[in-house]
Amino acid sequence: MTTLTLRRPDDWHLHLRDGAALAAVLPFTAARFGRAIIMPNLNPPVTTTQQALAYRERIVAALPAGSNFQPLMTLYLTDGTAPEEVARARSGGIFGFKLYPAGATTNSESGVTDLRNIRRVLERMSEHDVVLQVHGEVTGVEVDVFDREARFIDEVLLPLCVRHPGLRIVFEHITTRRAVEFVRSARAGVAATITPQHLLMNRNALFTGGIRPHLYCLPVLKTEDDRAALIDAATSGDPRFFLGTDSAPHARHTKEAACGCAGIFSAHAAIELYAEVFDSVGRLALLPGFAAEFGADFYGLPRNPDFITLADEPWQVPDSYAFGNDRLVPLRAGEMVRWRMLGSAGK
């Protein structure tokens, strides 16, 4: 049996929800990852340091006994975010502010409508070295959904990087060759996360045998050429690209609906799916950097001291998992995953 032992990874983009939903999905992440950047798009959103710290307490309280998992909190930017909140966030141990263009994805209705409305906030973030996490899509109705990321780069992200040269930025869940090229050519302080779904599938997967609502996410899956560019970036050993699952749980009935929610749940097999991608291109030895080193280095955190072991041992994903009083359909439901996590190995 082939095995790979690597430093315990971190997830630099994760949705945990709250209440019973939080309790249902948190154990999957806590078993695999040492830390995760927690998204603030609850309903209502997490917009203040006080709210984020209270949310963190709820996450910690829901952890399985004996878990050392650390939630790293973020705040949700709105047009009305006060510049003074940046200093409070910094002193409160908050790890960033999330920029959702209004209407871009799940629970983004309260997001930013114009960057000019948060100019002073961004200036304070640069001064206090607080990271900006970006959902990179424009939302104009005239823009094709497959072009939203590229248009965001040209119209929003490039000017933002120039206007705030000291601001550290994570371009989250990139999906296109254009985004890969942007990050590779960007100034220092710009990095990107890449999800398992965008590495594993192109947009044809959404329509294989019919509409597949559980494969619908935002940003939406893109072309095979885009997927190839993402694989090359993720498996290149370039420290500007690191792991961020964007695992986003939704109850089954909210996905299988006339207007289904965007989001793919992958926390149940996240590191295993990344291993599958890296192994498929003969670069499994480069997985530890992408999964366990580059993100920690970017955020200025120590790398995790413990290790996990993956085995080349296929297993079948259940058709669904409990999700409070509902059911949750995971990525690869009813199908096989090639790699299995065996456990941790202290070294």
Protein backbone atom coordinates (compact mmCIF):
# COMPACT_ATOMS: atom_id res chain seq x y z
CA MET A 1 0.00 0.00 0.00
CA THR A 2 1.39 3.39 -1.02
CA THR A 3 1.27 6.02 1.72
CA LEU A 4 2.13 9.70 2.04
CA THR A 5 2.84 11.37 5.36
CA LEU A 6 2.60 15.15 5.34
CA ARG A 7 2.40 17.98 7.82
CA ARG A 8 -1.19 18.56 8.92
CA PRO A 9 -2.71 20.90 6.34
CA ASP A 10 -4.79 24.05 6.76
CA ASP A 11 -7.90 25.15 4.88
CA TRP A 12 -7.62 28.82 3.93
CA HIS A 13 -11.26 29.17 2.82
CA LEU A 14 -14.08 27.37 4.64
CA HIS A 15 -17.81 27.75 5.28
CA LEU A 16 -19.06 26.23 8.55
CA ARG A 17 -22.54 27.79 8.91
CA ASP A 18 -23.92 27.88 12.48
CA GLY A 19 -26.02 25.96 14.98
CA ALA A 20 -26.93 22.38 14.10
CA ALA A 21 -25.40 22.74 10.63
CA LEU A 22 -22.07 23.78 12.17
CA ALA A 23 -22.11 20.80 14.53
CA ALA A 24 -22.77 18.45 11.60
CA VAL A 25 -19.91 19.54 9.31
CA LEU A 26 -17.18 20.74 11.68
CA PRO A 27 -15.87 17.24 12.59
CA PHE A 28 -14.92 16.56 8.96
CA THR A 29 -12.64 19.60 8.81
CA ALA A 30 -11.29 19.18 12.35
CA ALA A 31 -10.19 15.61 11.55
CA ARG A 32 -8.10 16.72 8.58
CA PHE A 33 -6.97 20.30 9.11
CA GLY A 34 -5.14 22.15 11.85
CA ARG A 35 -6.68 25.55 11.09
CA ALA A 36 -9.12 27.17 8.69
CA ILE A 37 -10.07 30.67 7.61
CA ILE A 38 -13.77 30.86 8.45
CA MET A 39 -16.05 32.71 6.06
CA PRO A 40 -18.31 35.36 7.62
CA ASN A 41 -21.33 35.12 5.30
CA LEU A 42 -23.80 33.94 7.90
CA ASN A 43 -27.31 35.34 7.87
CA PRO A 44 -27.01 38.00 9.24
CA PRO A 45 -23.32 38.39 8.28
CA VAL A 46 -20.44 38.64 10.74
CA THR A 47 -19.49 42.32 10.41
CA THR A 48 -17.84 43.22 13.73
CA THR A 49 -14.98 41.90 15.82
CA GLN A 50 -17.37 41.21 18.69
CA GLN A 51 -19.60 39.10 16.45
CA ALA A 52 -16.61 37.20 15.04
CA LEU A 53 -15.26 36.35 18.49
CA ALA A 54 -18.69 35.15 19.57
CA TYR A 55 -18.90 33.00 16.43
CA ARG A 56 -15.46 31.61 17.20
CA GLU A 57 -16.66 30.57 20.66
CA ARG A 58 -19.57 28.68 19.10
CA ILE A 59 -17.19 26.87 16.74
CA VAL A 60 -14.82 25.90 19.55
CA ALA A 61 -17.75 24.67 21.64
CA ALA A 62 -18.85 22.42 18.78
CA LEU A 63 -15.45 20.77 18.28
CA PRO A 64 -15.13 17.03 18.92
CA ALA A 65 -13.52 16.19 22.25
CA GLY A 66 -9.74 16.35 22.10
CA SER A 67 -9.59 18.33 18.88
CA ASN A 68 -6.90 21.01 18.52
CA PHE A 69 -8.46 22.61 15.45
CA GLN A 70 -8.21 26.42 15.38
CA PRO A 71 -10.82 28.57 13.62
CA LEU A 72 -9.31 31.76 12.16
CA MET A 73 -11.98 34.42 11.94
CA THR A 74 -12.78 37.03 9.29
CA LEU A 75 -15.17 39.98 8.99
CA TYR A 76 -17.65 40.68 6.22
CA LEU A 77 -17.09 44.00 4.46
CA THR A 78 -20.11 46.19 3.76
CA ASP A 79 -20.49 49.68 2.35
CA GLY A 80 -20.88 50.84 5.95
CA THR A 81 -17.88 49.11 7.54
CA ALA A 82 -16.22 51.62 9.88
CA PRO A 83 -12.47 52.23 9.38
CA GLU A 84 -12.07 51.99 13.16
CA GLU A 85 -13.13 48.33 12.98
CA VAL A 86 -9.77 47.44 11.41
CA ALA A 87 -7.80 48.26 14.56
CA ARG A 88 -10.32 46.38 16.70
CA ALA A 89 -10.05 43.39 14.39
CA ARG A 90 -6.27 43.43 14.47
CA SER A 91 -6.14 43.59 18.26
CA GLY A 92 -8.86 40.94 18.54
CA GLY A 93 -6.96 38.36 16.50
CA ILE A 94 -9.12 38.58 13.37
CA PHE A 95 -7.35 37.23 10.27
CA GLY A 96 -8.90 39.31 7.53
CA PHE A 97 -11.83 41.08 5.94
CA LYS A 98 -13.83 39.36 3.21
CA LEU A 99 -14.83 41.32 0.12
CA TYR A 100 -18.05 40.03 -1.40
CA PRO A 101 -19.25 42.10 -4.34
CA ALA A 102 -22.95 42.54 -3.56
CA GLY A 103 -24.96 39.68 -5.06
CA ALA A 104 -21.96 37.59 -6.10
CA THR A 105 -22.74 34.41 -4.14
CA THR A 106 -24.57 32.91 -1.15
CA ASN A 107 -25.50 35.51 1.49
CA SER A 108 -23.63 38.28 -0.33
CA GLU A 109 -26.56 40.68 -0.55
CA SER A 110 -24.98 42.91 2.11
CA GLY A 111 -21.65 43.02 0.27
CA VAL A 112 -19.81 45.99 -1.18
CA THR A 113 -21.46 47.83 -4.07
CA ASP A 114 -18.49 50.10 -4.90
CA LEU A 115 -14.89 49.97 -3.66
CA ARG A 116 -14.95 53.73 -3.22
CA ASN A 117 -17.27 53.14 -0.27
CA ILE A 118 -14.54 51.22 1.61
CA ARG A 119 -11.47 53.18 0.51
CA ARG A 120 -10.61 54.30 4.05
CA VAL A 121 -11.12 50.77 5.38
CA LEU A 122 -8.68 49.40 2.81
CA GLU A 123 -6.16 52.09 3.73
CA ARG A 124 -6.40 51.10 7.40
CA MET A 125 -6.00 47.44 6.46
CA SER A 126 -2.75 48.29 4.69
CA GLU A 127 -1.54 50.24 7.73
CA HIS A 128 -2.36 47.39 10.14
CA ASP A 129 -1.27 44.58 7.76
CA VAL A 130 -4.70 42.93 7.76
CA VAL A 131 -5.37 40.56 4.84
CA LEU A 132 -8.15 41.19 2.32
CA GLN A 133 -9.85 38.00 1.11
CA VAL A 134 -11.57 38.56 -2.22
CA HIS A 135 -14.45 36.85 -3.97
CA GLY A 136 -13.37 37.86 -7.46
CA GLU A 137 -16.42 38.31 -9.66
CA VAL A 138 -18.27 41.28 -11.07
CA THR A 139 -22.04 41.02 -10.80
CA GLY A 140 -23.44 43.13 -13.64
CA VAL A 141 -26.38 41.45 -15.38
CA GLU A 142 -24.78 42.21 -18.74
CA VAL A 143 -21.68 40.11 -17.93
CA ASP A 144 -21.68 36.45 -18.92
CA VAL A 145 -21.38 34.24 -15.83
CA PHE A 146 -18.28 32.55 -17.28
CA ASP A 147 -16.58 35.94 -17.79
CA ARG A 148 -17.21 37.40 -14.34
CA GLU A 149 -13.81 36.50 -12.90
CA ALA A 150 -11.78 37.83 -15.82
CA ARG A 151 -13.77 41.07 -15.84
CA PHE A 152 -13.21 41.44 -12.09
CA ILE A 153 -9.45 41.17 -12.55
CA ASP A 154 -9.36 43.91 -15.17
CA GLU A 155 -11.96 46.24 -13.70
CA VAL A 156 -11.49 45.81 -9.94
CA LEU A 157 -8.49 43.78 -8.83
CA LEU A 158 -5.74 45.33 -10.96
CA PRO A 159 -6.69 48.91 -9.94
CA LEU A 160 -7.06 47.77 -6.31
CA CYS A 161 -3.53 46.35 -6.24
CA VAL A 162 -2.13 49.59 -7.67
CA ARG A 163 -4.14 51.88 -5.41
CA HIS A 164 -3.19 49.96 -2.24
CA PRO A 165 0.36 48.66 -2.85
CA GLY A 166 0.86 47.55 0.77
CA LEU A 167 -2.41 45.62 1.05
CA ARG A 168 -2.03 41.84 1.24
CA ILE A 169 -4.68 40.13 -0.88
CA VAL A 170 -5.87 36.54 -1.26
CA PHE A 171 -7.72 36.03 -4.53
CA GLU A 172 -9.98 33.23 -3.38
CA HIS A 173 -11.14 30.14 -5.28
CA ILE A 174 -9.64 31.16 -8.62
CA THR A 175 -11.16 29.35 -11.60
CA THR A 176 -9.53 30.55 -14.82
CA ARG A 177 -6.25 30.63 -16.72
CA ARG A 178 -6.57 34.41 -16.64
CA ALA A 179 -6.57 34.36 -12.82
CA VAL A 180 -3.50 32.12 -12.72
CA GLU A 181 -1.67 34.49 -15.05
CA PHE A 182 -2.71 37.48 -12.95
CA VAL A 183 -1.40 35.98 -9.69
CA ARG A 184 1.87 34.91 -11.29
CA SER A 185 2.47 38.43 -12.58
CA ALA A 186 1.11 40.32 -9.55
CA ARG A 187 3.12 42.37 -7.08
CA ALA A 188 4.34 40.91 -3.81
CA GLY A 189 1.59 40.32 -1.27
CA VAL A 190 -0.92 38.76 -3.68
CA ALA A 191 -1.77 35.05 -3.45
CA ALA A 192 -4.64 32.73 -4.37
CA THR A 193 -6.53 29.71 -3.10
CA ILE A 194 -7.72 26.85 -5.31
CA THR A 195 -10.59 24.46 -4.56
CA PRO A 196 -10.77 20.71 -5.18
CA GLN A 197 -13.83 21.01 -7.42
CA HIS A 198 -12.15 23.43 -9.82
CA LEU A 199 -9.15 21.09 -10.04
CA LEU A 200 -11.24 17.97 -10.56
CA MET A 201 -14.00 19.10 -12.93
CA ASN A 202 -14.79 21.38 -15.82
CA ARG A 203 -18.18 22.88 -16.59
CA ASN A 204 -19.28 19.81 -18.57
CA ALA A 205 -19.72 18.07 -15.21
CA LEU A 206 -22.72 20.32 -14.49
CA PHE A 207 -24.63 18.75 -17.38
CA THR A 208 -23.52 15.11 -17.45
CA GLY A 209 -26.72 13.11 -17.89
CA GLY A 210 -28.81 16.11 -16.85
CA ILE A 211 -28.52 19.11 -14.55
CA ARG A 212 -26.30 18.32 -11.54
CA PRO A 213 -27.30 20.83 -8.82
CA HIS A 214 -24.80 19.49 -6.28
CA LEU A 215 -21.96 20.50 -8.63
CA TYR A 216 -23.18 24.09 -8.88
CA CYS A 217 -20.92 26.56 -7.11
CA LEU A 218 -19.84 30.18 -7.48
CA PRO A 219 -17.57 30.94 -9.15
CA VAL A 220 -19.00 28.33 -11.52
CA LEU A 221 -16.86 25.55 -12.98
CA LYS A 222 -14.99 26.68 -16.09
CA THR A 223 -13.43 25.16 -19.24
CA GLU A 224 -10.99 22.26 -19.50
CA ASP A 225 -8.27 24.72 -20.50
CA ASP A 226 -8.93 26.67 -17.31
CA ARG A 227 -8.82 23.48 -15.24
CA ALA A 228 -5.47 22.53 -16.77
CA ALA A 229 -4.07 25.95 -15.83
CA LEU A 230 -5.29 25.56 -12.25
CA ILE A 231 -3.73 22.10 -11.94
CA ASP A 232 -0.45 23.44 -13.24
CA ALA A 233 -0.52 26.30 -10.73
CA ALA A 234 -1.52 24.18 -7.74
CA THR A 235 1.07 21.49 -8.43
CA SER A 236 3.89 23.83 -9.46
CA GLY A 237 5.42 24.44 -6.02
CA ASP A 238 4.73 28.18 -6.43
CA PRO A 239 4.05 29.53 -2.90
CA ARG A 240 1.53 32.05 -4.22
CA PHE A 241 -1.02 29.23 -4.64
CA PHE A 242 -2.36 27.29 -1.67
CA LEU A 243 -5.25 25.17 -0.44
CA GLY A 244 -8.70 26.63 0.15
CA THR A 245 -11.60 24.20 -0.20
CA ASP A 246 -14.50 26.68 -0.24
CA SER A 247 -16.42 23.74 1.22
CA ALA A 248 -19.96 25.10 1.43
CA PRO A 249 -22.67 22.90 2.94
CA HIS A 250 -26.32 23.26 1.97
CA ALA A 251 -29.30 21.09 2.89
CA ARG A 252 -30.26 18.76 0.06
CA HIS A 253 -33.65 20.38 -0.55
CA THR A 254 -32.05 23.82 -0.99
CA LYS A 255 -29.82 22.46 -3.76
CA GLU A 256 -32.48 20.39 -5.49
CA ALA A 257 -34.80 23.36 -5.93
CA ALA A 258 -36.18 25.65 -8.62
CA CYS A 259 -33.53 28.18 -7.56
CA GLY A 260 -30.81 26.07 -5.99
CA CYS A 261 -28.06 27.39 -3.73
CA ALA A 262 -24.47 27.70 -4.92
CA GLY A 263 -21.88 25.66 -3.04
CA ILE A 264 -20.16 22.26 -2.99
CA PHE A 265 -19.47 20.35 0.23
CA SER A 266 -16.02 18.74 0.15
CA ALA A 267 -14.84 18.75 3.77
CA HIS A 268 -15.55 15.02 4.16
CA ALA A 269 -12.71 14.15 1.75
CA ALA A 270 -10.89 17.41 1.10
CA ILE A 271 -7.23 16.52 1.50
CA GLU A 272 -7.86 13.13 -0.12
CA LEU A 273 -9.29 14.80 -3.24
CA TYR A 274 -6.33 17.14 -3.51
CA ALA A 275 -4.01 14.12 -3.24
CA GLU A 276 -5.88 12.56 -6.13
CA VAL A 277 -5.22 15.63 -8.29
CA PHE A 278 -1.53 15.86 -7.44
CA ASP A 279 -1.05 12.12 -7.97
CA SER A 280 -2.80 12.28 -11.36
CA VAL A 281 -0.03 14.53 -12.72
CA GLY A 282 2.85 12.79 -10.95
CA ARG A 283 3.43 15.61 -8.44
CA LEU A 284 2.30 14.06 -5.17
CA ALA A 285 5.59 15.10 -3.55
CA LEU A 286 4.56 18.75 -3.99
CA LEU A 287 1.26 18.38 -2.10
CA PRO A 288 2.74 19.24 1.35
CA GLY A 289 3.81 22.72 0.23
CA PHE A 290 0.42 23.55 -1.29
CA ALA A 291 -1.58 22.04 1.56
CA ALA A 292 0.49 22.66 4.69
CA GLU A 293 3.17 25.30 4.15
CA PHE A 294 2.46 28.12 1.70
CA GLY A 295 -0.76 29.35 3.30
CA ALA A 296 0.70 29.40 6.79
CA ASP A 297 3.72 31.29 5.50
CA PHE A 298 1.53 33.89 3.75
CA TYR A 299 -0.53 34.50 6.89
CA GLY A 300 2.60 34.65 9.06
CA LEU A 301 1.69 31.61 11.14
CA PRO A 302 3.88 28.67 12.19
CA ARG A 303 3.40 25.48 10.23
CA ASN A 304 1.46 22.82 12.09
CA PRO A 305 3.67 20.58 14.26
CA ASP A 306 1.78 17.33 13.70
CA PHE A 307 1.35 15.10 10.65
CA ILE A 308 -1.31 13.07 8.87
CA THR A 309 -0.96 9.99 6.67
CA LEU A 310 -2.80 9.32 3.43
CA ALA A 311 -3.00 5.87 1.86
CA ASP A 312 -3.68 4.87 -1.74
CA GLU A 313 -6.74 2.93 -0.58
CA PRO A 314 -10.02 3.66 -2.43
CA TRP A 315 -13.24 4.18 -0.46
CA GLN A 316 -16.83 4.97 -1.36
CA VAL A 317 -18.38 8.26 -0.30
CA PRO A 318 -21.84 7.92 1.30
CA ASP A 319 -24.82 9.17 -0.69
CA SER A 320 -25.47 11.79 1.99
CA TYR A 321 -24.61 12.90 5.51
CA ALA A 322 -26.79 14.13 8.37
CA PHE A 323 -27.14 17.92 8.38
CA GLY A 324 -29.17 18.95 11.39
CA ASN A 325 -32.72 17.82 10.57
CA ASP A 326 -31.84 17.59 6.87
CA ARG A 327 -29.41 15.68 4.65
CA LEU A 328 -26.29 16.98 2.93
CA VAL A 329 -25.04 15.60 -0.41
CA PRO A 330 -21.22 15.66 -0.56
CA LEU A 331 -18.88 15.88 -3.51
CA ARG A 332 -18.47 12.41 -5.07
CA ALA A 333 -21.63 11.14 -3.35
CA GLY A 334 -21.93 7.40 -3.97
CA GLU A 335 -18.64 7.38 -5.89
CA MET A 336 -15.08 6.41 -5.10
CA VAL A 337 -12.23 8.51 -3.73
CA ARG A 338 -8.82 7.01 -4.38
CA TRP A 339 -6.95 8.25 -1.28
CA ARG A 340 -7.93 7.72 2.35
CA MET A 341 -6.65 9.54 5.44
CA LEU A 342 -5.36 6.99 7.93
CA GLY A 343 -4.70 9.25 10.90
CA SER A 344 -2.07 11.48 12.46
CA ALA A 345 1.57 10.75 13.15
CA GLY A 346 3.41 13.00 15.58
CA LYS A 347 6.92 13.80 14.34
